[in-house]
Amino acid sequence: MAVVLSLRWAGVTPEQYDAMLAAVRWEEQVPDGLVLHAAWFEPGAMHVTDVWNAEEDFRQFFATRLAPAVQEVGLAGQPEVRFSPAHRHYVASTG
């Protein structure tokens, strides 16, 4: 079942996010099970909303690809993460 990941990580800056993106390259090498990713910032925190085919897909991606980048970039603290069952998801075509 598809899930929605809601994440808030205090203290993460846009520069750190961009460094993780460069290290992990999830846009060029899309993780198995990722449907949609959106990230934004408010003062003092990063927010992410993802849709994954299954929670386990995200957990596998985190363990094998994202966690090493978190260490490399030196992110402090832990994110607040919540998974919710997706009732429906739709991604509009960009082309």
PDB file of N, CA and C in Angstrom:
ATOM      1  N   MET A   1       0.837  -1.185   0.000  1.00  0.00           N
ATOM      2  CA  MET A   1       0.000   0.000   0.000  1.00  0.00           C
ATOM      3  C   MET A   1       0.876   1.240   0.000  1.00  0.00           C
ATOM      4  N   ALA A   2       0.539   2.209  -0.827  1.00  0.00           N
ATOM      5  CA  ALA A   2       1.293   3.457  -0.885  1.00  0.00           C
ATOM      6  C   ALA A   2       1.167   4.211   0.428  1.00  0.00           C
ATOM      7  N   VAL A   3       2.243   4.923   0.780  1.00  0.00           N
ATOM      8  CA  VAL A   3       2.267   5.701   2.009  1.00  0.00           C
ATOM      9  C   VAL A   3       2.758   7.113   1.723  1.00  0.00           C
ATOM     10  N   VAL A   4       2.310   8.039   2.574  1.00  0.00           N
ATOM     11  CA  VAL A   4       2.784   9.413   2.535  1.00  0.00           C
ATOM     12  C   VAL A   4       3.742   9.597   3.701  1.00  0.00           C
ATOM     13  N   LEU A   5       4.929  10.057   3.396  1.00  0.00           N
ATOM     14  CA  LEU A   5       5.936  10.359   4.409  1.00  0.00           C
ATOM     15  C   LEU A   5       5.891  11.852   4.664  1.00  0.00           C
ATOM     16  N   SER A   6       5.705  12.245   5.911  1.00  0.00           N
ATOM     17  CA  SER A   6       5.776  13.650   6.331  1.00  0.00           C
ATOM     18  C   SER A   6       6.974  13.769   7.260  1.00  0.00           C
ATOM     19  N   LEU A   7       7.889  14.665   6.929  1.00  0.00           N
ATOM     20  CA  LEU A   7       9.132  14.787   7.689  1.00  0.00           C
ATOM     21  C   LEU A   7       9.399  16.250   7.991  1.00  0.00           C
ATOM     22  N   ARG A   8       9.820  16.507   9.211  1.00  0.00           N
ATOM     23  CA  ARG A   8      10.291  17.839   9.627  1.00  0.00           C
ATOM     24  C   ARG A   8      11.618  17.623  10.338  1.00  0.00           C
ATOM     25  N   TRP A   9      12.633  18.395   9.916  1.00  0.00           N
ATOM     26  CA  TRP A   9      13.960  18.235  10.516  1.00  0.00           C
ATOM     27  C   TRP A   9      14.474  19.615  10.899  1.00  0.00           C
ATOM     28  N   ALA A  10      14.457  19.881  12.190  1.00  0.00           N
ATOM     29  CA  ALA A  10      14.923  21.170  12.704  1.00  0.00           C
ATOM     30  C   ALA A  10      16.415  21.334  12.448  1.00  0.00           C
ATOM     31  N   GLY A  11      16.783  22.538  12.066  1.00  0.00           N
ATOM     32  CA  GLY A  11      18.195  22.882  11.907  1.00  0.00           C
ATOM     33  C   GLY A  11      18.792  22.589  10.551  1.00  0.00           C
ATOM     34  N   VAL A  12      18.080  21.906   9.672  1.00  0.00           N
ATOM     35  CA  VAL A  12      18.625  21.590   8.352  1.00  0.00           C
ATOM     36  C   VAL A  12      18.442  22.800   7.443  1.00  0.00           C
ATOM     37  N   THR A  13      19.510  23.174   6.760  1.00  0.00           N
ATOM     38  CA  THR A  13      19.495  24.346   5.885  1.00  0.00           C
ATOM     39  C   THR A  13      19.311  23.918   4.426  1.00  0.00           C
ATOM     40  N   PRO A  14      18.911  24.843   3.574  1.00  0.00           N
ATOM     41  CA  PRO A  14      18.835  24.524   2.146  1.00  0.00           C
ATOM     42  C   PRO A  14      20.185  24.054   1.585  1.00  0.00           C
ATOM     43  N   GLU A  15      21.266  24.615   2.086  1.00  0.00           N
ATOM     44  CA  GLU A  15      22.593  24.218   1.613  1.00  0.00           C
ATOM     45  C   GLU A  15      22.891  22.764   1.983  1.00  0.00           C
ATOM     46  N   GLN A  16      22.510  22.355   3.180  1.00  0.00           N
ATOM     47  CA  GLN A  16      22.710  20.954   3.586  1.00  0.00           C
ATOM     48  C   GLN A  16      21.839  20.020   2.755  1.00  0.00           C
ATOM     49  N   TYR A  17      20.594  20.420   2.508  1.00  0.00           N
ATOM     50  CA  TYR A  17      19.710  19.623   1.663  1.00  0.00           C
ATOM     51  C   TYR A  17      20.337  19.447   0.275  1.00  0.00           C
ATOM     52  N   ASP A  18      20.826  20.545  -0.310  1.00  0.00           N
ATOM     53  CA  ASP A  18      21.439  20.481  -1.634  1.00  0.00           C
ATOM     54  C   ASP A  18      22.683  19.594  -1.630  1.00  0.00           C
ATOM     55  N   ALA A  19      23.458  19.620  -0.544  1.00  0.00           N
ATOM     56  CA  ALA A  19      24.637  18.750  -0.435  1.00  0.00           C
ATOM     57  C   ALA A  19      24.215  17.279  -0.387  1.00  0.00           C
ATOM     58  N   MET A  20      23.126  16.979   0.323  1.00  0.00           N
ATOM     59  CA  MET A  20      22.626  15.592   0.353  1.00  0.00           C
ATOM     60  C   MET A  20      22.140  15.172  -1.026  1.00  0.00           C
ATOM     61  N   LEU A  21      21.426  16.061  -1.706  1.00  0.00           N
ATOM     62  CA  LEU A  21      20.947  15.768  -3.054  1.00  0.00           C
ATOM     63  C   LEU A  21      22.118  15.445  -3.981  1.00  0.00           C
ATOM     64  N   ALA A  22      23.181  16.225  -3.890  1.00  0.00           N
ATOM     65  CA  ALA A  22      24.358  15.986  -4.722  1.00  0.00           C
ATOM     66  C   ALA A  22      25.028  14.657  -4.387  1.00  0.00           C
ATOM     67  N   ALA A  23      25.049  14.307  -3.116  1.00  0.00           N
ATOM     68  CA  ALA A  23      25.697  13.058  -2.696  1.00  0.00           C
ATOM     69  C   ALA A  23      24.865  11.826  -3.063  1.00  0.00           C
ATOM     70  N   VAL A  24      23.561  11.904  -2.871  1.00  0.00           N
ATOM     71  CA  VAL A  24      22.694  10.737  -3.068  1.00  0.00           C
ATOM     72  C   VAL A  24      22.207  10.626  -4.512  1.00  0.00           C
ATOM     73  N   ARG A  25      22.006  11.769  -5.165  1.00  0.00           N
ATOM     74  CA  ARG A  25      21.557  11.819  -6.564  1.00  0.00           C
ATOM     75  C   ARG A  25      20.233  11.095  -6.777  1.00  0.00           C
ATOM     76  N   TRP A  26      19.261  11.356  -5.883  1.00  0.00           N
ATOM     77  CA  TRP A  26      17.997  10.633  -5.991  1.00  0.00           C
ATOM     78  C   TRP A  26      17.164  11.079  -7.183  1.00  0.00           C
ATOM     79  N   GLU A  27      17.477  12.234  -7.762  1.00  0.00           N
ATOM     80  CA  GLU A  27      16.748  12.648  -8.963  1.00  0.00           C
ATOM     81  C   GLU A  27      17.282  11.938 -10.206  1.00  0.00           C
ATOM     82  N   GLU A  28      18.579  11.644 -10.233  1.00  0.00           N
ATOM     83  CA  GLU A  28      19.186  10.934 -11.361  1.00  0.00           C
ATOM     84  C   GLU A  28      19.057   9.424 -11.217  1.00  0.00           C
ATOM     85  N   GLN A  29      19.146   8.935 -10.003  1.00  0.00           N
ATOM     86  CA  GLN A  29      19.034   7.495  -9.705  1.00  0.00           C
ATOM     87  C   GLN A  29      17.865   7.336  -8.741  1.00  0.00           C
ATOM     88  N   VAL A  30      16.668   7.337  -9.312  1.00  0.00           N
ATOM     89  CA  VAL A  30      15.450   7.343  -8.512  1.00  0.00           C
ATOM     90  C   VAL A  30      15.374   6.077  -7.660  1.00  0.00           C
ATOM     91  N   PRO A  31      15.149   6.232  -6.350  1.00  0.00           N
ATOM     92  CA  PRO A  31      15.048   5.061  -5.472  1.00  0.00           C
ATOM     93  C   PRO A  31      13.837   4.200  -5.834  1.00  0.00           C
ATOM     94  N   ASP A  32      14.002   2.902  -5.677  1.00  0.00           N
ATOM     95  CA  ASP A  32      12.883   1.988  -5.887  1.00  0.00           C
ATOM     96  C   ASP A  32      11.740   2.371  -4.967  1.00  0.00           C
ATOM     97  N   GLY A  33      10.556   2.512  -5.540  1.00  0.00           N
ATOM     98  CA  GLY A  33       9.369   2.775  -4.743  1.00  0.00           C
ATOM     99  C   GLY A  33       9.019   4.235  -4.535  1.00  0.00           C
ATOM    100  N   LEU A  34       9.901   5.164  -4.927  1.00  0.00           N
ATOM    101  CA  LEU A  34       9.595   6.587  -4.756  1.00  0.00           C
ATOM    102  C   LEU A  34       8.663   7.045  -5.869  1.00  0.00           C
ATOM    103  N   VAL A  35       7.570   7.685  -5.479  1.00  0.00           N
ATOM    104  CA  VAL A  35       6.590   8.196  -6.433  1.00  0.00           C
ATOM    105  C   VAL A  35       6.710   9.707  -6.579  1.00  0.00           C
ATOM    106  N   LEU A  36       6.879  10.409  -5.454  1.00  0.00           N
ATOM    107  CA  LEU A  36       6.873  11.869  -5.448  1.00  0.00           C
ATOM    108  C   LEU A  36       7.714  12.371  -4.279  1.00  0.00           C
ATOM    109  N   HIS A  37       8.430  13.469  -4.517  1.00  0.00           N
ATOM    110  CA  HIS A  37       9.220  14.097  -3.448  1.00  0.00           C
ATOM    111  C   HIS A  37       9.049  15.600  -3.551  1.00  0.00           C
ATOM    112  N   ALA A  38       8.765  16.253  -2.444  1.00  0.00           N
ATOM    113  CA  ALA A  38       8.714  17.720  -2.370  1.00  0.00           C
ATOM    114  C   ALA A  38       9.387  18.144  -1.075  1.00  0.00           C
ATOM    115  N   ALA A  39      10.206  19.199  -1.149  1.00  0.00           N
ATOM    116  CA  ALA A  39      10.903  19.711   0.036  1.00  0.00           C
ATOM    117  C   ALA A  39      10.739  21.217   0.088  1.00  0.00           C
ATOM    118  N   TRP A  40      10.651  21.745   1.315  1.00  0.00           N
ATOM    119  CA  TRP A  40      10.576  23.191   1.516  1.00  0.00           C
ATOM    120  C   TRP A  40      11.130  23.519   2.891  1.00  0.00           C
ATOM    121  N   PHE A  41      11.347  24.825   3.092  1.00  0.00           N
ATOM    122  CA  PHE A  41      11.975  25.284   4.330  1.00  0.00           C
ATOM    123  C   PHE A  41      11.140  26.376   4.976  1.00  0.00           C
ATOM    124  N   GLU A  42      11.170  26.372   6.286  1.00  0.00           N
ATOM    125  CA  GLU A  42      10.681  27.481   7.074  1.00  0.00           C
ATOM    126  C   GLU A  42      11.871  27.895   7.928  1.00  0.00           C
ATOM    127  N   PRO A  43      11.846  29.042   8.548  1.00  0.00           N
ATOM    128  CA  PRO A  43      12.982  29.410   9.390  1.00  0.00           C
ATOM    129  C   PRO A  43      13.282  28.312  10.417  1.00  0.00           C
ATOM    130  N   GLY A  44      14.481  27.758  10.311  1.00  0.00           N
ATOM    131  CA  GLY A  44      14.935  26.782  11.286  1.00  0.00           C
ATOM    132  C   GLY A  44      14.570  25.333  11.028  1.00  0.00           C
ATOM    133  N   ALA A  45      13.922  25.013   9.907  1.00  0.00           N
ATOM    134  CA  ALA A  45      13.546  23.607   9.688  1.00  0.00           C
ATOM    135  C   ALA A  45      13.313  23.307   8.211  1.00  0.00           C
ATOM    136  N   MET A  46      13.596  22.070   7.859  1.00  0.00           N
ATOM    137  CA  MET A  46      13.288  21.537   6.538  1.00  0.00           C
ATOM    138  C   MET A  46      12.048  20.661   6.654  1.00  0.00           C
ATOM    139  N   HIS A  47      11.214  20.693   5.630  1.00  0.00           N
ATOM    140  CA  HIS A  47      10.044  19.825   5.550  1.00  0.00           C
ATOM    141  C   HIS A  47      10.128  19.010   4.264  1.00  0.00           C
ATOM    142  N   VAL A  48       9.685  17.775   4.331  1.00  0.00           N
ATOM    143  CA  VAL A  48       9.625  16.903   3.154  1.00  0.00           C
ATOM    144  C   VAL A  48       8.291  16.181   3.172  1.00  0.00           C
ATOM    145  N   THR A  49       7.691  16.084   2.006  1.00  0.00           N
ATOM    146  CA  THR A  49       6.543  15.216   1.806  1.00  0.00           C
ATOM    147  C   THR A  49       6.873  14.312   0.633  1.00  0.00           C
ATOM    148  N   ASP A  50       6.807  13.018   0.867  1.00  0.00           N
ATOM    149  CA  ASP A  50       7.052  12.015  -0.164  1.00  0.00           C
ATOM    150  C   ASP A  50       5.854  11.099  -0.274  1.00  0.00           C
ATOM    151  N   VAL A  51       5.723  10.481  -1.433  1.00  0.00           N
ATOM    152  CA  VAL A  51       4.832   9.344  -1.594  1.00  0.00           C
ATOM    153  C   VAL A  51       5.709   8.174  -2.020  1.00  0.00           C
ATOM    154  N   TRP A  52       5.575   7.073  -1.300  1.00  0.00           N
ATOM    155  CA  TRP A  52       6.319   5.839  -1.579  1.00  0.00           C
ATOM    156  C   TRP A  52       5.331   4.710  -1.811  1.00  0.00           C
ATOM    157  N   ASN A  53       5.729   3.746  -2.625  1.00  0.00           N
ATOM    158  CA  ASN A  53       4.870   2.583  -2.851  1.00  0.00           C
ATOM    159  C   ASN A  53       4.648   1.798  -1.567  1.00  0.00           C
ATOM    160  N   ALA A  54       5.644   1.813  -0.677  1.00  0.00           N
ATOM    161  CA  ALA A  54       5.542   1.111   0.606  1.00  0.00           C
ATOM    162  C   ALA A  54       6.528   1.746   1.587  1.00  0.00           C
ATOM    163  N   GLU A  55       6.197   1.694   2.860  1.00  0.00           N
ATOM    164  CA  GLU A  55       7.088   2.240   3.891  1.00  0.00           C
ATOM    165  C   GLU A  55       8.457   1.571   3.837  1.00  0.00           C
ATOM    166  N   GLU A  56       8.479   0.274   3.562  1.00  0.00           N
ATOM    167  CA  GLU A  56       9.742  -0.458   3.492  1.00  0.00           C
ATOM    168  C   GLU A  56      10.651   0.078   2.382  1.00  0.00           C
ATOM    169  N   ASP A  57      10.067   0.560   1.283  1.00  0.00           N
ATOM    170  CA  ASP A  57      10.883   1.151   0.215  1.00  0.00           C
ATOM    171  C   ASP A  57      11.670   2.342   0.745  1.00  0.00           C
ATOM    172  N   PHE A  58      11.018   3.212   1.527  1.00  0.00           N
ATOM    173  CA  PHE A  58      11.735   4.348   2.106  1.00  0.00           C
ATOM    174  C   PHE A  58      12.792   3.867   3.093  1.00  0.00           C
ATOM    175  N   ARG A  59      12.439   2.925   3.939  1.00  0.00           N
ATOM    176  CA  ARG A  59      13.396   2.445   4.951  1.00  0.00           C
ATOM    177  C   ARG A  59      14.642   1.853   4.286  1.00  0.00           C
ATOM    178  N   GLN A  60      14.470   1.142   3.186  1.00  0.00           N
ATOM    179  CA  GLN A  60      15.599   0.577   2.446  1.00  0.00           C
ATOM    180  C   GLN A  60      16.460   1.694   1.849  1.00  0.00           C
ATOM    181  N   PHE A  61      15.811   2.682   1.245  1.00  0.00           N
ATOM    182  CA  PHE A  61      16.526   3.828   0.685  1.00  0.00           C
ATOM    183  C   PHE A  61      17.299   4.566   1.774  1.00  0.00           C
ATOM    184  N   PHE A  62      16.656   4.782   2.913  1.00  0.00           N
ATOM    185  CA  PHE A  62      17.328   5.494   3.995  1.00  0.00           C
ATOM    186  C   PHE A  62      18.561   4.723   4.464  1.00  0.00           C
ATOM    187  N   ALA A  63      18.405   3.433   4.682  1.00  0.00           N
ATOM    188  CA  ALA A  63      19.506   2.630   5.221  1.00  0.00           C
ATOM    189  C   ALA A  63      20.689   2.549   4.263  1.00  0.00           C
ATOM    190  N   THR A  64      20.410   2.409   2.983  1.00  0.00           N
ATOM    191  CA  THR A  64      21.496   2.152   2.041  1.00  0.00           C
ATOM    192  C   THR A  64      22.072   3.390   1.372  1.00  0.00           C
ATOM    193  N   ARG A  65      21.272   4.440   1.231  1.00  0.00           N
ATOM    194  CA  ARG A  65      21.747   5.610   0.484  1.00  0.00           C
ATOM    195  C   ARG A  65      21.686   6.909   1.261  1.00  0.00           C
ATOM    196  N   LEU A  66      20.597   7.153   1.966  1.00  0.00           N
ATOM    197  CA  LEU A  66      20.432   8.452   2.606  1.00  0.00           C
ATOM    198  C   LEU A  66      21.226   8.578   3.905  1.00  0.00           C
ATOM    199  N   ALA A  67      21.233   7.559   4.727  1.00  0.00           N
ATOM    200  CA  ALA A  67      21.952   7.626   6.006  1.00  0.00           C
ATOM    201  C   ALA A  67      23.433   7.955   5.823  1.00  0.00           C
ATOM    202  N   PRO A  68      24.139   7.339   4.852  1.00  0.00           N
ATOM    203  CA  PRO A  68      25.545   7.730   4.655  1.00  0.00           C
ATOM    204  C   PRO A  68      25.702   9.210   4.280  1.00  0.00           C
ATOM    205  N   ALA A  69      24.763   9.753   3.503  1.00  0.00           N
ATOM    206  CA  ALA A  69      24.842  11.170   3.134  1.00  0.00           C
ATOM    207  C   ALA A  69      24.563  12.063   4.329  1.00  0.00           C
ATOM    208  N   VAL A  70      23.646  11.650   5.199  1.00  0.00           N
ATOM    209  CA  VAL A  70      23.366  12.404   6.422  1.00  0.00           C
ATOM    210  C   VAL A  70      24.646  12.515   7.245  1.00  0.00           C
ATOM    211  N   GLN A  71      25.381  11.410   7.357  1.00  0.00           N
ATOM    212  CA  GLN A  71      26.659  11.414   8.084  1.00  0.00           C
ATOM    213  C   GLN A  71      27.674  12.320   7.384  1.00  0.00           C
ATOM    214  N   GLU A  72      27.764  12.185   6.057  1.00  0.00           N
ATOM    215  CA  GLU A  72      28.736  12.952   5.277  1.00  0.00           C
ATOM    216  C   GLU A  72      28.495  14.454   5.399  1.00  0.00           C
ATOM    217  N   VAL A  73      27.245  14.855   5.320  1.00  0.00           N
ATOM    218  CA  VAL A  73      26.895  16.273   5.394  1.00  0.00           C
ATOM    219  C   VAL A  73      26.958  16.777   6.833  1.00  0.00           C
ATOM    220  N   GLY A  74      26.804  15.870   7.790  1.00  0.00           N
ATOM    221  CA  GLY A  74      26.898  16.237   9.205  1.00  0.00           C
ATOM    222  C   GLY A  74      25.629  16.834   9.770  1.00  0.00           C
ATOM    223  N   LEU A  75      24.481  16.283   9.361  1.00  0.00           N
ATOM    224  CA  LEU A  75      23.221  16.783   9.906  1.00  0.00           C
ATOM    225  C   LEU A  75      23.098  16.410  11.375  1.00  0.00           C
ATOM    226  N   ALA A  76      22.687  17.362  12.171  1.00  0.00           N
ATOM    227  CA  ALA A  76      22.526  17.132  13.607  1.00  0.00           C
ATOM    228  C   ALA A  76      21.082  16.772  13.918  1.00  0.00           C
ATOM    229  N   GLY A  77      20.893  16.080  15.017  1.00  0.00           N
ATOM    230  CA  GLY A  77      19.557  15.755  15.484  1.00  0.00           C
ATOM    231  C   GLY A  77      18.900  14.663  14.679  1.00  0.00           C
ATOM    232  N   GLN A  78      17.629  14.503  14.909  1.00  0.00           N
ATOM    233  CA  GLN A  78      16.835  13.481  14.232  1.00  0.00           C
ATOM    234  C   GLN A  78      15.579  14.128  13.667  1.00  0.00           C
ATOM    235  N   PRO A  79      15.118  13.638  12.514  1.00  0.00           N
ATOM    236  CA  PRO A  79      13.887  14.205  11.968  1.00  0.00           C
ATOM    237  C   PRO A  79      12.658  13.666  12.690  1.00  0.00           C
ATOM    238  N   GLU A  80      11.587  14.448  12.634  1.00  0.00           N
ATOM    239  CA  GLU A  80      10.269  13.968  13.042  1.00  0.00           C
ATOM    240  C   GLU A  80       9.663  13.349  11.788  1.00  0.00           C
ATOM    241  N   VAL A  81       9.331  12.072  11.846  1.00  0.00           N
ATOM    242  CA  VAL A  81       8.845  11.350  10.669  1.00  0.00           C
ATOM    243  C   VAL A  81       7.508  10.713  10.985  1.00  0.00           C
ATOM    244  N   ARG A  82       6.598  10.818  10.019  1.00  0.00           N
ATOM    245  CA  ARG A  82       5.298  10.172  10.167  1.00  0.00           C
ATOM    246  C   ARG A  82       4.918   9.554   8.832  1.00  0.00           C
ATOM    247  N   PHE A  83       4.435   8.325   8.882  1.00  0.00           N
ATOM    248  CA  PHE A  83       3.905   7.649   7.703  1.00  0.00           C
ATOM    249  C   PHE A  83       2.394   7.551   7.841  1.00  0.00           C
ATOM    250  N   SER A  84       1.701   7.819   6.752  1.00  0.00           N
ATOM    251  CA  SER A  84       0.244   7.693   6.715  1.00  0.00           C
ATOM    252  C   SER A  84      -0.130   6.916   5.463  1.00  0.00           C
ATOM    253  N   PRO A  85      -1.143   6.071   5.543  1.00  0.00           N
ATOM    254  CA  PRO A  85      -1.586   5.379   4.335  1.00  0.00           C
ATOM    255  C   PRO A  85      -2.111   6.395   3.326  1.00  0.00           C
ATOM    256  N   ALA A  86      -1.734   6.224   2.083  1.00  0.00           N
ATOM    257  CA  ALA A  86      -2.219   7.112   1.035  1.00  0.00           C
ATOM    258  C   ALA A  86      -3.592   6.619   0.587  1.00  0.00           C
ATOM    259  N   HIS A  87      -4.542   7.525   0.540  1.00  0.00           N
ATOM    260  CA  HIS A  87      -5.851   7.175   0.015  1.00  0.00           C
ATOM    261  C   HIS A  87      -5.799   7.183  -1.511  1.00  0.00           C
ATOM    262  N   ARG A  88      -5.113   8.160  -2.041  1.00  0.00           N
ATOM    263  CA  ARG A  88      -4.966   8.289  -3.500  1.00  0.00           C
ATOM    264  C   ARG A  88      -3.773   9.202  -3.761  1.00  0.00           C
ATOM    265  N   HIS A  89      -3.084   8.961  -4.857  1.00  0.00           N
ATOM    266  CA  HIS A  89      -2.042   9.886  -5.275  1.00  0.00           C
ATOM    267  C   HIS A  89      -2.075  10.025  -6.787  1.00  0.00           C
ATOM    268  N   TYR A  90      -1.724  11.205  -7.243  1.00  0.00           N
ATOM    269  CA  TYR A  90      -1.735  11.541  -8.661  1.00  0.00           C
ATOM    270  C   TYR A  90      -0.557  12.474  -8.910  1.00  0.00           C
ATOM    271  N   VAL A  91       0.215  12.184  -9.924  1.00  0.00           N
ATOM    272  CA  VAL A  91       1.323  13.048 -10.295  1.00  0.00           C
ATOM    273  C   VAL A  91       1.044  13.543 -11.708  1.00  0.00           C
ATOM    274  N   ALA A  92       0.861  14.830 -11.848  1.00  0.00           N
ATOM    275  CA  ALA A  92       0.559  15.415 -13.147  1.00  0.00           C
ATOM    276  C   ALA A  92       1.749  15.294 -14.075  1.00  0.00           C
ATOM    277  N   SER A  93       1.509  15.054 -15.324  1.00  0.00           N
ATOM    278  CA  SER A  93       2.561  14.981 -16.320  1.00  0.00           C
ATOM    279  C   SER A  93       3.163  16.359 -16.522  1.00  0.00           C
ATOM    280  N   THR A  94       4.479  16.425 -16.626  1.00  0.00           N
ATOM    281  CA  THR A  94       5.135  17.711 -16.851  1.00  0.00           C
ATOM    282  C   THR A  94       5.465  17.898 -18.323  1.00  0.00           C
ATOM    283  N   GLY A  95       5.133  16.956 -19.150  1.00  0.00           N
ATOM    284  CA  GLY A  95       5.493  17.080 -20.557  1.00  0.00           C
ATOM    285  C   GLY A  95       4.344  16.977 -21.386  1.00  0.00           C
TER     286      GLY A  95
END
